[in-house]
């Protein structure tokens, strides 16, 4: 994959909006009534995707609209390419933040060693919070934040047999005679 995108994020979002408008059969859809809001939600889906509840409060979008737009955007052809580019951008932002944190930390250490600065925990706390948010964003894009949950249910043989009987009552059982070969 080249570093140049065949389509910019803006072009992708505009073409996706147009496809959504063409796909709807009525004028009540958000993509028709409020294309600017639809694009804002679509951009959040593509570029961020974090803090959905907070985003919905700020944008005035309902949960149903958000997930309808998300479903439409994520099923388009160029979505994966755009997401990959966004992941690369997030990685770059994260790396720049690490450099900034190192420089800030080094300056703080120099000033603390000189005795000209007491520990400024507030500034350091802001940098750490920003780095944490960037790391979360990068992990979401890269898939590192994916959690696999396995559920194991232990039952006794009697419970399993009772459950099988319960299911079998709703099924017509056909007996098949085995043929000798």
Protein backbone atom coordinates (compact mmCIF):
# COMPACT_ATOMS: atom_id res chain seq x y z
CA UNK A 1 0.00 0.00 0.00
CA UNK A 2 1.43 3.36 -0.91
CA UNK A 3 1.64 6.28 1.46
CA UNK A 4 -0.63 8.27 -0.82
CA UNK A 5 -4.31 7.61 -0.41
CA UNK A 6 -6.30 7.17 -3.57
CA UNK A 7 -9.07 9.07 -1.82
CA UNK A 8 -8.84 11.64 0.96
CA UNK A 9 -11.01 11.29 4.04
CA UNK A 10 -13.11 14.28 2.94
CA UNK A 11 -13.67 12.80 -0.53
CA UNK A 12 -14.54 9.45 1.04
CA UNK A 13 -17.05 11.03 3.42
CA UNK A 14 -18.68 13.13 0.68
CA UNK A 15 -19.05 10.15 -1.65
CA UNK A 16 -20.43 8.07 1.23
CA UNK A 17 -22.94 10.82 2.05
CA UNK A 18 -24.05 10.93 -1.58
CA UNK A 19 -24.47 7.14 -1.60
CA UNK A 20 -26.50 7.33 1.62
CA UNK A 21 -28.75 10.02 0.16
CA UNK A 22 -29.30 7.94 -2.97
CA UNK A 23 -30.00 4.81 -0.93
CA UNK A 24 -32.70 6.39 1.21
CA UNK A 25 -36.22 6.35 -0.08
CA UNK A 26 -37.52 9.32 1.87
CA UNK A 27 -36.63 12.87 2.89
CA UNK A 28 -36.75 12.24 6.64
CA UNK A 29 -33.33 10.55 6.78
CA UNK A 30 -30.56 12.48 8.54
CA UNK A 31 -28.36 12.34 5.43
CA UNK A 32 -31.02 14.34 3.56
CA UNK A 33 -32.34 16.58 6.37
CA UNK A 34 -29.01 17.42 7.96
CA UNK A 35 -26.04 16.42 5.79
CA UNK A 36 -23.62 18.49 7.88
CA UNK A 37 -24.55 16.58 11.05
CA UNK A 38 -24.42 13.28 9.12
CA UNK A 39 -20.87 14.14 7.97
CA UNK A 40 -19.86 15.06 11.53
CA UNK A 41 -21.00 11.66 12.79
CA UNK A 42 -19.39 9.85 9.85
CA UNK A 43 -16.08 11.66 10.50
CA UNK A 44 -16.24 10.60 14.15
CA UNK A 45 -16.78 6.99 13.07
CA UNK A 46 -13.83 7.07 10.67
CA UNK A 47 -11.31 9.15 12.58
CA UNK A 48 -12.07 8.63 16.24
CA UNK A 49 -14.81 6.29 17.35
CA UNK A 50 -14.02 6.86 21.04
CA UNK A 51 -16.32 8.29 23.72
CA UNK A 52 -19.46 7.70 21.67
CA UNK A 53 -21.83 8.75 24.45
CA UNK A 54 -19.99 12.04 24.99
CA UNK A 55 -19.88 12.65 21.24
CA UNK A 56 -23.63 12.05 20.91
CA UNK A 57 -24.34 14.58 23.67
CA UNK A 58 -22.22 17.24 21.95
CA UNK A 59 -23.49 16.57 18.42
CA UNK A 60 -27.15 16.05 19.29
CA UNK A 61 -27.18 12.72 17.48
CA UNK A 62 -29.28 9.85 18.75
CA UNK A 63 -27.81 6.40 19.39
CA UNK A 64 -29.88 4.88 16.58
CA UNK A 65 -28.72 7.51 14.09
CA UNK A 66 -25.10 7.08 15.18
CA UNK A 67 -25.12 3.33 14.68
CA UNK A 68 -27.09 3.56 11.43
CA UNK A 69 -24.46 5.93 10.04
CA UNK A 70 -21.67 3.75 11.42
CA UNK A 71 -23.16 0.67 9.75
CA UNK A 72 -23.45 2.50 6.43
CA UNK A 73 -19.93 3.98 6.57
CA UNK A 74 -18.18 0.78 7.65
CA UNK A 75 -19.66 -1.23 4.79
CA UNK A 76 -18.37 1.04 2.03
CA UNK A 77 -15.54 -0.08 -0.25
CA UNK A 78 -12.81 2.37 0.78
CA UNK A 79 -13.50 2.24 4.54
CA UNK A 80 -10.57 -0.04 5.42
CA UNK A 81 -8.11 2.08 3.43
CA UNK A 82 -9.31 5.26 5.13
CA UNK A 83 -9.12 3.58 8.55
CA UNK A 84 -5.58 2.42 7.84
CA UNK A 85 -4.56 5.97 7.01
CA UNK A 86 -6.26 7.22 10.18
CA UNK A 87 -4.36 4.59 12.18
CA UNK A 88 -1.09 5.81 10.68
CA UNK A 89 -2.03 9.39 11.56
CA UNK A 90 -2.87 8.30 15.13
CA UNK A 91 0.49 6.51 15.41
CA UNK A 92 2.28 9.65 14.23
CA UNK A 93 0.39 11.79 16.75
CA UNK A 94 1.29 9.33 19.49
CA UNK A 95 4.98 9.36 18.55
CA UNK A 96 5.03 13.17 18.49
CA UNK A 97 3.44 13.17 21.95
CA UNK A 98 6.11 10.80 23.25
CA UNK A 99 8.82 13.15 21.96
CA UNK A 100 7.10 16.13 23.58
CA UNK A 101 6.75 14.26 26.86
CA UNK A 102 10.46 13.36 26.81
CA UNK A 103 11.51 16.96 26.12
CA UNK A 104 9.20 18.28 28.81
CA UNK A 105 10.43 15.68 31.28
CA UNK A 106 14.07 16.47 30.48
CA UNK A 107 13.51 20.21 30.99
CA UNK A 108 11.69 19.53 34.24
CA UNK A 109 14.53 17.34 35.46
CA UNK A 110 17.14 19.96 34.53
CA UNK A 111 15.25 22.69 36.34
CA UNK A 112 14.63 20.46 39.35
CA UNK A 113 18.36 19.58 39.45
CA UNK A 114 19.21 23.32 39.29
CA UNK A 115 16.73 23.98 42.10
CA UNK A 116 14.77 26.46 39.99
CA UNK A 117 11.62 24.36 39.76
CA UNK A 118 9.48 22.44 42.13
CA UNK A 119 7.72 19.45 40.62
CA UNK A 120 4.86 20.72 38.47
CA UNK A 121 2.55 17.74 38.69
CA UNK A 122 -0.29 19.50 36.91
CA UNK A 123 1.65 19.96 33.66
CA UNK A 124 3.02 16.46 33.87
CA UNK A 125 -0.46 15.12 34.57
CA UNK A 126 -1.84 16.88 31.47
CA UNK A 127 0.83 15.32 29.26
CA UNK A 128 0.19 11.85 30.68
CA UNK A 129 -3.56 12.22 30.18
CA UNK A 130 -3.04 13.33 26.57
CA UNK A 131 -0.67 10.44 25.92
CA UNK A 132 -3.15 8.01 27.41
CA UNK A 133 -5.89 9.30 25.11
CA UNK A 134 -3.58 9.03 22.09
CA UNK A 135 -2.57 5.51 23.08
CA UNK A 136 -6.23 4.50 23.44
CA UNK A 137 -7.01 5.92 20.01
CA UNK A 138 -4.04 4.13 18.43
CA UNK A 139 -4.96 0.83 20.10
CA UNK A 140 -8.52 1.11 18.84
CA UNK A 141 -7.33 1.67 15.27
CA UNK A 142 -4.71 -1.07 15.39
CA UNK A 143 -6.98 -3.64 17.03
CA UNK A 144 -4.78 -3.95 20.09
CA UNK A 145 -7.68 -2.87 22.29
CA UNK A 146 -9.78 -5.84 21.24
CA UNK A 147 -10.86 -8.05 24.12
CA UNK A 148 -11.88 -11.65 23.66
CA UNK A 149 -14.35 -12.87 26.26
CA UNK A 150 -15.01 -16.56 26.73
CA UNK A 151 -17.89 -17.77 28.80
CA UNK A 152 -17.91 -21.24 30.30
CA UNK A 153 -21.06 -22.69 31.77
CA UNK A 154 -20.75 -25.76 33.94
CA UNK A 155 -23.81 -27.96 34.28
CA UNK A 156 -24.47 -31.41 35.62
CA UNK A 157 -25.43 -34.28 33.35
CA UNK A 158 -28.98 -34.12 34.72
CA UNK A 159 -29.26 -30.41 33.88
CA UNK A 160 -27.92 -31.03 30.36
CA UNK A 161 -30.39 -33.90 29.85
CA UNK A 162 -33.28 -31.75 31.09
CA UNK A 163 -32.26 -28.96 28.71
CA UNK A 164 -31.99 -31.43 25.81
CA UNK A 165 -35.47 -32.76 26.63
CA UNK A 166 -36.85 -29.23 26.72
CA UNK A 167 -35.41 -28.48 23.28
CA UNK A 168 -36.43 -31.85 21.87
CA UNK A 169 -40.10 -31.20 22.72
CA UNK A 170 -40.20 -28.45 20.11
CA UNK A 171 -38.56 -30.59 17.42
CA UNK A 172 -40.14 -33.36 15.39
CA UNK A 173 -37.91 -36.38 15.76
CA UNK A 174 -37.70 -38.74 12.84
CA UNK A 175 -36.26 -42.17 13.52
CA UNK A 176 -34.03 -43.55 10.85
CA UNK A 177 -33.16 -47.19 10.68
CA UNK A 178 -29.55 -47.95 10.12
CA UNK A 179 -28.72 -50.13 7.19
CA UNK A 180 -26.07 -52.78 7.48
CA UNK A 181 -23.24 -52.37 5.09
